[in-house]
């Protein structure tokens, strides 16, 4: 298992931590942001392939910010790859 920490930009969350087992996301934890929604996103992507998560979440926009917490997770996974 590989543990990764990422500092998101342009969103309410202050940190994203995730664990990977090869190319599979095993857990995701956001610090800050909309707690319930971000816990839900974390649970939904558990067990998914990195590329599938990136494809689903990349480009999601929150209130005209040009990014969102889900998009920042996609950016974190891209940076990891």
PDB file of N, CA and C in Angstrom:
ATOM      1  N   UNK A   1       0.848  -1.183   0.000  1.00  0.00           N
ATOM      2  CA  UNK A   1       0.000   0.000   0.000  1.00  0.00           C
ATOM      3  C   UNK A   1       0.892   1.244   0.000  1.00  0.00           C
ATOM      4  N   UNK A   2       0.489   2.188  -0.785  1.00  0.00           N
ATOM      5  CA  UNK A   2       1.197   3.465  -0.893  1.00  0.00           C
ATOM      6  C   UNK A   2       0.287   4.560  -0.354  1.00  0.00           C
ATOM      7  N   UNK A   3       0.747   5.319   0.648  1.00  0.00           N
ATOM      8  CA  UNK A   3      -0.006   6.436   1.212  1.00  0.00           C
ATOM      9  C   UNK A   3       0.492   7.733   0.594  1.00  0.00           C
ATOM     10  N   UNK A   4      -0.456   8.574   0.159  1.00  0.00           N
ATOM     11  CA  UNK A   4      -0.111   9.831  -0.511  1.00  0.00           C
ATOM     12  C   UNK A   4      -0.907  10.968   0.128  1.00  0.00           C
ATOM     13  N   UNK A   5      -0.272  12.115   0.267  1.00  0.00           N
ATOM     14  CA  UNK A   5      -0.924  13.317   0.772  1.00  0.00           C
ATOM     15  C   UNK A   5      -0.811  14.402  -0.290  1.00  0.00           C
ATOM     16  N   UNK A   6      -1.891  15.154  -0.488  1.00  0.00           N
ATOM     17  CA  UNK A   6      -1.943  16.182  -1.537  1.00  0.00           C
ATOM     18  C   UNK A   6      -2.612  17.422  -0.961  1.00  0.00           C
ATOM     19  N   UNK A   7      -2.061  18.590  -1.261  1.00  0.00           N
ATOM     20  CA  UNK A   7      -2.648  19.858  -0.841  1.00  0.00           C
ATOM     21  C   UNK A   7      -3.455  20.408  -2.022  1.00  0.00           C
ATOM     22  N   UNK A   8      -4.786  20.429  -1.909  1.00  0.00           N
ATOM     23  CA  UNK A   8      -5.621  20.909  -3.011  1.00  0.00           C
ATOM     24  C   UNK A   8      -5.548  22.430  -3.158  1.00  0.00           C
ATOM     25  N   UNK A   9      -5.894  22.896  -4.345  1.00  0.00           N
ATOM     26  CA  UNK A   9      -5.846  24.322  -4.650  1.00  0.00           C
ATOM     27  C   UNK A   9      -7.222  24.805  -5.093  1.00  0.00           C
ATOM     28  N   UNK A  10      -7.657  25.962  -4.560  1.00  0.00           N
ATOM     29  CA  UNK A  10      -8.893  26.591  -5.014  1.00  0.00           C
ATOM     30  C   UNK A  10     -10.178  26.007  -4.462  1.00  0.00           C
ATOM     31  N   UNK A  11     -10.083  25.198  -3.393  1.00  0.00           N
ATOM     32  CA  UNK A  11     -11.275  24.570  -2.812  1.00  0.00           C
ATOM     33  C   UNK A  11     -11.255  24.710  -1.292  1.00  0.00           C
ATOM     34  N   UNK A  12     -12.351  24.331  -0.670  1.00  0.00           N
ATOM     35  CA  UNK A  12     -12.478  24.442   0.786  1.00  0.00           C
ATOM     36  C   UNK A  12     -11.638  23.409   1.542  1.00  0.00           C
ATOM     37  N   UNK A  13     -11.489  22.226   0.990  1.00  0.00           N
ATOM     38  CA  UNK A  13     -10.697  21.208   1.685  1.00  0.00           C
ATOM     39  C   UNK A  13      -9.228  21.632   1.707  1.00  0.00           C
ATOM     40  N   UNK A  14      -8.546  21.247   2.791  1.00  0.00           N
ATOM     41  CA  UNK A  14      -7.155  21.657   2.987  1.00  0.00           C
ATOM     42  C   UNK A  14      -6.141  20.560   2.680  1.00  0.00           C
ATOM     43  N   UNK A  15      -6.609  19.319   2.646  1.00  0.00           N
ATOM     44  CA  UNK A  15      -5.700  18.198   2.381  1.00  0.00           C
ATOM     45  C   UNK A  15      -6.504  17.003   1.898  1.00  0.00           C
ATOM     46  N   UNK A  16      -5.885  16.227   1.012  1.00  0.00           N
ATOM     47  CA  UNK A  16      -6.458  14.961   0.569  1.00  0.00           C
ATOM     48  C   UNK A  16      -5.400  13.894   0.835  1.00  0.00           C
ATOM     49  N   UNK A  17      -5.793  12.855   1.554  1.00  0.00           N
ATOM     50  CA  UNK A  17      -4.912  11.713   1.785  1.00  0.00           C
ATOM     51  C   UNK A  17      -5.561  10.495   1.154  1.00  0.00           C
ATOM     52  N   UNK A  18      -4.752   9.716   0.441  1.00  0.00           N
ATOM     53  CA  UNK A  18      -5.307   8.500  -0.150  1.00  0.00           C
ATOM     54  C   UNK A  18      -4.291   7.381  -0.096  1.00  0.00           C
ATOM     55  N   UNK A  19      -4.811   6.153  -0.106  1.00  0.00           N
ATOM     56  CA  UNK A  19      -3.984   4.954  -0.132  1.00  0.00           C
ATOM     57  C   UNK A  19      -4.265   4.203  -1.413  1.00  0.00           C
ATOM     58  N   UNK A  20      -3.197   3.740  -2.032  1.00  0.00           N
ATOM     59  CA  UNK A  20      -3.300   2.998  -3.284  1.00  0.00           C
ATOM     60  C   UNK A  20      -2.661   1.634  -3.130  1.00  0.00           C
ATOM     61  N   UNK A  21      -3.278   0.672  -3.777  1.00  0.00           N
ATOM     62  CA  UNK A  21      -2.733  -0.681  -3.863  1.00  0.00           C
ATOM     63  C   UNK A  21      -2.531  -0.931  -5.350  1.00  0.00           C
ATOM     64  N   UNK A  22      -1.323  -0.655  -5.840  1.00  0.00           N
ATOM     65  CA  UNK A  22      -1.080  -0.697  -7.278  1.00  0.00           C
ATOM     66  C   UNK A  22      -1.848   0.439  -7.923  1.00  0.00           C
ATOM     67  N   UNK A  23      -2.741   0.125  -8.850  1.00  0.00           N
ATOM     68  CA  UNK A  23      -3.555   1.133  -9.531  1.00  0.00           C
ATOM     69  C   UNK A  23      -4.970   1.215  -8.964  1.00  0.00           C
ATOM     70  N   UNK A  24      -5.174   0.683  -7.767  1.00  0.00           N
ATOM     71  CA  UNK A  24      -6.512   0.669  -7.159  1.00  0.00           C
ATOM     72  C   UNK A  24      -6.529   1.580  -5.934  1.00  0.00           C
ATOM     73  N   UNK A  25      -7.544   2.448  -5.872  1.00  0.00           N
ATOM     74  CA  UNK A  25      -7.731   3.342  -4.728  1.00  0.00           C
ATOM     75  C   UNK A  25      -8.327   2.529  -3.584  1.00  0.00           C
ATOM     76  N   UNK A  26      -7.669   2.519  -2.449  1.00  0.00           N
ATOM     77  CA  UNK A  26      -8.147   1.751  -1.294  1.00  0.00           C
ATOM     78  C   UNK A  26      -8.856   2.633  -0.273  1.00  0.00           C
ATOM     79  N   UNK A  27      -8.435   3.892  -0.122  1.00  0.00           N
ATOM     80  CA  UNK A  27      -9.127   4.798   0.797  1.00  0.00           C
ATOM     81  C   UNK A  27      -8.817   6.239   0.408  1.00  0.00           C
ATOM     82  N   UNK A  28      -9.744   7.139   0.742  1.00  0.00           N
ATOM     83  CA  UNK A  28      -9.581   8.570   0.499  1.00  0.00           C
ATOM     84  C   UNK A  28     -10.121   9.308   1.710  1.00  0.00           C
ATOM     85  N   UNK A  29      -9.360  10.294   2.192  1.00  0.00           N
ATOM     86  CA  UNK A  29      -9.816  11.116   3.311  1.00  0.00           C
ATOM     87  C   UNK A  29      -9.510  12.575   2.985  1.00  0.00           C
ATOM     88  N   UNK A  30     -10.554  13.413   3.051  1.00  0.00           N
ATOM     89  CA  UNK A  30     -10.408  14.852   2.866  1.00  0.00           C
ATOM     90  C   UNK A  30     -10.378  15.513   4.241  1.00  0.00           C
ATOM     91  N   UNK A  31      -9.545  16.528   4.405  1.00  0.00           N
ATOM     92  CA  UNK A  31      -9.540  17.354   5.610  1.00  0.00           C
ATOM     93  C   UNK A  31     -10.135  18.699   5.227  1.00  0.00           C
ATOM     94  N   UNK A  32     -11.188  19.108   5.927  1.00  0.00           N
ATOM     95  CA  UNK A  32     -11.896  20.337   5.593  1.00  0.00           C
ATOM     96  C   UNK A  32     -12.908  20.076   4.491  1.00  0.00           C
ATOM     97  N   UNK A  33     -13.620  21.111   4.107  1.00  0.00           N
ATOM     98  CA  UNK A  33     -14.626  20.974   3.050  1.00  0.00           C
ATOM     99  C   UNK A  33     -15.940  20.445   3.587  1.00  0.00           C
ATOM    100  N   UNK A  34     -16.807  20.035   2.705  1.00  0.00           N
ATOM    101  CA  UNK A  34     -18.153  19.536   3.046  1.00  0.00           C
ATOM    102  C   UNK A  34     -18.036  18.084   3.499  1.00  0.00           C
ATOM    103  N   UNK A  35     -17.956  17.881   4.786  1.00  0.00           N
ATOM    104  CA  UNK A  35     -17.600  16.595   5.373  1.00  0.00           C
ATOM    105  C   UNK A  35     -18.421  15.423   4.842  1.00  0.00           C
ATOM    106  N   UNK A  36     -19.732  15.517   4.884  1.00  0.00           N
ATOM    107  CA  UNK A  36     -20.576  14.393   4.448  1.00  0.00           C
ATOM    108  C   UNK A  36     -20.379  14.062   2.980  1.00  0.00           C
ATOM    109  N   UNK A  37     -20.383  15.078   2.134  1.00  0.00           N
ATOM    110  CA  UNK A  37     -20.205  14.849   0.698  1.00  0.00           C
ATOM    111  C   UNK A  37     -18.841  14.231   0.403  1.00  0.00           C
ATOM    112  N   UNK A  38     -17.817  14.727   1.080  1.00  0.00           N
ATOM    113  CA  UNK A  38     -16.470  14.219   0.801  1.00  0.00           C
ATOM    114  C   UNK A  38     -16.267  12.813   1.343  1.00  0.00           C
ATOM    115  N   UNK A  39     -16.921  12.478   2.445  1.00  0.00           N
ATOM    116  CA  UNK A  39     -16.880  11.086   2.912  1.00  0.00           C
ATOM    117  C   UNK A  39     -17.538  10.179   1.882  1.00  0.00           C
ATOM    118  N   UNK A  40     -18.653  10.660   1.318  1.00  0.00           N
ATOM    119  CA  UNK A  40     -19.357   9.884   0.292  1.00  0.00           C
ATOM    120  C   UNK A  40     -18.492   9.657  -0.931  1.00  0.00           C
ATOM    121  N   UNK A  41     -17.816  10.685  -1.394  1.00  0.00           N
ATOM    122  CA  UNK A  41     -16.921  10.543  -2.549  1.00  0.00           C
ATOM    123  C   UNK A  41     -15.839   9.521  -2.236  1.00  0.00           C
ATOM    124  N   UNK A  42     -15.264   9.623  -1.041  1.00  0.00           N
ATOM    125  CA  UNK A  42     -14.231   8.670  -0.644  1.00  0.00           C
ATOM    126  C   UNK A  42     -14.719   7.235  -0.696  1.00  0.00           C
ATOM    127  N   UNK A  43     -15.919   6.998  -0.186  1.00  0.00           N
ATOM    128  CA  UNK A  43     -16.483   5.638  -0.198  1.00  0.00           C
ATOM    129  C   UNK A  43     -16.790   5.168  -1.618  1.00  0.00           C
ATOM    130  N   UNK A  44     -17.288   6.076  -2.456  1.00  0.00           N
ATOM    131  CA  UNK A  44     -17.640   5.695  -3.825  1.00  0.00           C
ATOM    132  C   UNK A  44     -16.425   5.291  -4.658  1.00  0.00           C
ATOM    133  N   UNK A  45     -15.277   5.908  -4.422  1.00  0.00           N
ATOM    134  CA  UNK A  45     -14.105   5.598  -5.250  1.00  0.00           C
ATOM    135  C   UNK A  45     -13.262   4.450  -4.691  1.00  0.00           C
ATOM    136  N   UNK A  46     -13.543   4.006  -3.470  1.00  0.00           N
ATOM    137  CA  UNK A  46     -12.800   2.868  -2.917  1.00  0.00           C
ATOM    138  C   UNK A  46     -12.955   1.658  -3.821  1.00  0.00           C
ATOM    139  N   UNK A  47     -11.849   1.027  -4.137  1.00  0.00           N
ATOM    140  CA  UNK A  47     -11.857  -0.162  -4.979  1.00  0.00           C
ATOM    141  C   UNK A  47     -11.806   0.131  -6.468  1.00  0.00           C
ATOM    142  N   UNK A  48     -11.856   1.413  -6.837  1.00  0.00           N
ATOM    143  CA  UNK A  48     -11.833   1.785  -8.254  1.00  0.00           C
ATOM    144  C   UNK A  48     -10.393   1.937  -8.750  1.00  0.00           C
ATOM    145  N   UNK A  49     -10.214   1.721 -10.038  1.00  0.00           N
ATOM    146  CA  UNK A  49      -8.941   1.951 -10.713  1.00  0.00           C
ATOM    147  C   UNK A  49      -8.684   3.454 -10.785  1.00  0.00           C
ATOM    148  N   UNK A  50      -7.429   3.859 -10.616  1.00  0.00           N
ATOM    149  CA  UNK A  50      -7.051   5.278 -10.663  1.00  0.00           C
ATOM    150  C   UNK A  50      -7.584   5.956 -11.923  1.00  0.00           C
ATOM    151  N   UNK A  51      -7.397   5.340 -13.077  1.00  0.00           N
ATOM    152  CA  UNK A  51      -7.823   5.960 -14.336  1.00  0.00           C
ATOM    153  C   UNK A  51      -9.333   6.149 -14.396  1.00  0.00           C
ATOM    154  N   UNK A  52     -10.091   5.234 -13.821  1.00  0.00           N
ATOM    155  CA  UNK A  52     -11.546   5.368 -13.798  1.00  0.00           C
ATOM    156  C   UNK A  52     -11.977   6.535 -12.910  1.00  0.00           C
ATOM    157  N   UNK A  53     -11.304   6.694 -11.767  1.00  0.00           N
ATOM    158  CA  UNK A  53     -11.610   7.810 -10.865  1.00  0.00           C
ATOM    159  C   UNK A  53     -11.298   9.136 -11.565  1.00  0.00           C
ATOM    160  N   UNK A  54     -10.141   9.212 -12.194  1.00  0.00           N
ATOM    161  CA  UNK A  54      -9.753  10.430 -12.914  1.00  0.00           C
ATOM    162  C   UNK A  54     -10.783  10.756 -13.984  1.00  0.00           C
ATOM    163  N   UNK A  55     -11.182   9.763 -14.754  1.00  0.00           N
ATOM    164  CA  UNK A  55     -12.146   9.979 -15.841  1.00  0.00           C
ATOM    165  C   UNK A  55     -13.474  10.511 -15.308  1.00  0.00           C
ATOM    166  N   UNK A  56     -13.940   9.997 -14.177  1.00  0.00           N
ATOM    167  CA  UNK A  56     -15.235  10.411 -13.635  1.00  0.00           C
ATOM    168  C   UNK A  56     -15.200  11.777 -12.954  1.00  0.00           C
ATOM    169  N   UNK A  57     -14.089  12.126 -12.306  1.00  0.00           N
ATOM    170  CA  UNK A  57     -14.058  13.322 -11.470  1.00  0.00           C
ATOM    171  C   UNK A  57     -13.358  14.526 -12.092  1.00  0.00           C
ATOM    172  N   UNK A  58     -12.515  14.302 -13.082  1.00  0.00           N
ATOM    173  CA  UNK A  58     -11.752  15.387 -13.692  1.00  0.00           C
ATOM    174  C   UNK A  58     -12.681  16.432 -14.312  1.00  0.00           C
ATOM    175  N   UNK A  59     -12.477  17.681 -13.961  1.00  0.00           N
ATOM    176  CA  UNK A  59     -13.219  18.776 -14.574  1.00  0.00           C
ATOM    177  C   UNK A  59     -14.504  19.175 -13.865  1.00  0.00           C
ATOM    178  N   UNK A  60     -14.882  18.504 -12.775  1.00  0.00           N
ATOM    179  CA  UNK A  60     -16.073  18.921 -12.034  1.00  0.00           C
ATOM    180  C   UNK A  60     -15.810  20.294 -11.431  1.00  0.00           C
ATOM    181  N   UNK A  61     -16.771  21.208 -11.613  1.00  0.00           N
ATOM    182  CA  UNK A  61     -16.620  22.604 -11.223  1.00  0.00           C
ATOM    183  C   UNK A  61     -17.564  22.919 -10.057  1.00  0.00           C
ATOM    184  N   UNK A  62     -17.066  23.607  -9.043  1.00  0.00           N
ATOM    185  CA  UNK A  62     -17.867  24.008  -7.888  1.00  0.00           C
ATOM    186  C   UNK A  62     -18.062  25.524  -7.892  1.00  0.00           C
ATOM    187  N   UNK A  63     -19.280  25.952  -8.148  1.00  0.00           N
ATOM    188  CA  UNK A  63     -19.635  27.376  -8.060  1.00  0.00           C
ATOM    189  C   UNK A  63     -18.721  28.300  -8.858  1.00  0.00           C
ATOM    190  N   UNK A  64     -18.328  27.891 -10.044  1.00  0.00           N
ATOM    191  CA  UNK A  64     -17.526  28.742 -10.919  1.00  0.00           C
ATOM    192  C   UNK A  64     -16.068  28.883 -10.524  1.00  0.00           C
ATOM    193  N   UNK A  65     -15.587  28.035  -9.641  1.00  0.00           N
ATOM    194  CA  UNK A  65     -14.187  28.105  -9.198  1.00  0.00           C
ATOM    195  C   UNK A  65     -13.216  27.538 -10.231  1.00  0.00           C
ATOM    196  N   UNK A  66     -13.747  26.800 -11.191  1.00  0.00           N
ATOM    197  CA  UNK A  66     -12.879  26.148 -12.162  1.00  0.00           C
ATOM    198  C   UNK A  66     -12.339  24.821 -11.671  1.00  0.00           C
ATOM    199  N   UNK A  67     -12.683  24.445 -10.452  1.00  0.00           N
ATOM    200  CA  UNK A  67     -12.272  23.180  -9.860  1.00  0.00           C
ATOM    201  C   UNK A  67     -13.277  22.834  -8.760  1.00  0.00           C
ATOM    202  N   UNK A  68     -13.051  21.715  -8.104  1.00  0.00           N
ATOM    203  CA  UNK A  68     -13.891  21.264  -6.995  1.00  0.00           C
ATOM    204  C   UNK A  68     -13.085  20.256  -6.194  1.00  0.00           C
ATOM    205  N   UNK A  69     -13.599  19.841  -5.068  1.00  0.00           N
ATOM    206  CA  UNK A  69     -12.896  18.802  -4.297  1.00  0.00           C
ATOM    207  C   UNK A  69     -12.774  17.501  -5.090  1.00  0.00           C
ATOM    208  N   UNK A  70     -13.835  17.045  -5.788  1.00  0.00           N
ATOM    209  CA  UNK A  70     -13.666  15.846  -6.610  1.00  0.00           C
ATOM    210  C   UNK A  70     -12.625  16.050  -7.724  1.00  0.00           C
ATOM    211  N   UNK A  71     -12.644  17.225  -8.367  1.00  0.00           N
ATOM    212  CA  UNK A  71     -11.650  17.520  -9.395  1.00  0.00           C
ATOM    213  C   UNK A  71     -10.252  17.525  -8.802  1.00  0.00           C
ATOM    214  N   UNK A  72     -10.103  18.047  -7.594  1.00  0.00           N
ATOM    215  CA  UNK A  72      -8.790  18.066  -6.953  1.00  0.00           C
ATOM    216  C   UNK A  72      -8.306  16.652  -6.625  1.00  0.00           C
ATOM    217  N   UNK A  73      -9.228  15.747  -6.310  1.00  0.00           N
ATOM    218  CA  UNK A  73      -8.835  14.343  -6.136  1.00  0.00           C
ATOM    219  C   UNK A  73      -8.305  13.792  -7.452  1.00  0.00           C
ATOM    220  N   UNK A  74      -8.987  14.111  -8.547  1.00  0.00           N
ATOM    221  CA  UNK A  74      -8.507  13.678  -9.863  1.00  0.00           C
ATOM    222  C   UNK A  74      -7.118  14.260 -10.144  1.00  0.00           C
ATOM    223  N   UNK A  75      -6.904  15.533  -9.805  1.00  0.00           N
ATOM    224  CA  UNK A  75      -5.593  16.158 -10.023  1.00  0.00           C
ATOM    225  C   UNK A  75      -4.529  15.485  -9.149  1.00  0.00           C
ATOM    226  N   UNK A  76      -4.890  15.136  -7.924  1.00  0.00           N
ATOM    227  CA  UNK A  76      -3.952  14.449  -7.032  1.00  0.00           C
ATOM    228  C   UNK A  76      -3.542  13.093  -7.606  1.00  0.00           C
ATOM    229  N   UNK A  77      -4.517  12.362  -8.144  1.00  0.00           N
ATOM    230  CA  UNK A  77      -4.213  11.058  -8.726  1.00  0.00           C
ATOM    231  C   UNK A  77      -3.375  11.205  -9.989  1.00  0.00           C
ATOM    232  N   UNK A  78      -3.648  12.237 -10.794  1.00  0.00           N
ATOM    233  CA  UNK A  78      -2.819  12.497 -11.974  1.00  0.00           C
ATOM    234  C   UNK A  78      -1.387  12.808 -11.565  1.00  0.00           C
ATOM    235  N   UNK A  79      -1.228  13.639 -10.529  1.00  0.00           N
ATOM    236  CA  UNK A  79       0.115  13.999 -10.058  1.00  0.00           C
ATOM    237  C   UNK A  79       0.851  12.762  -9.544  1.00  0.00           C
ATOM    238  N   UNK A  80       0.123  11.860  -8.897  1.00  0.00           N
ATOM    239  CA  UNK A  80       0.733  10.622  -8.405  1.00  0.00           C
ATOM    240  C   UNK A  80       1.262   9.768  -9.561  1.00  0.00           C
ATOM    241  N   UNK A  81       0.444   9.671 -10.626  1.00  0.00           N
ATOM    242  CA  UNK A  81       0.817   8.827 -11.759  1.00  0.00           C
ATOM    243  C   UNK A  81       2.046   9.383 -12.437  1.00  0.00           C
TER     244      UNK A  81
END
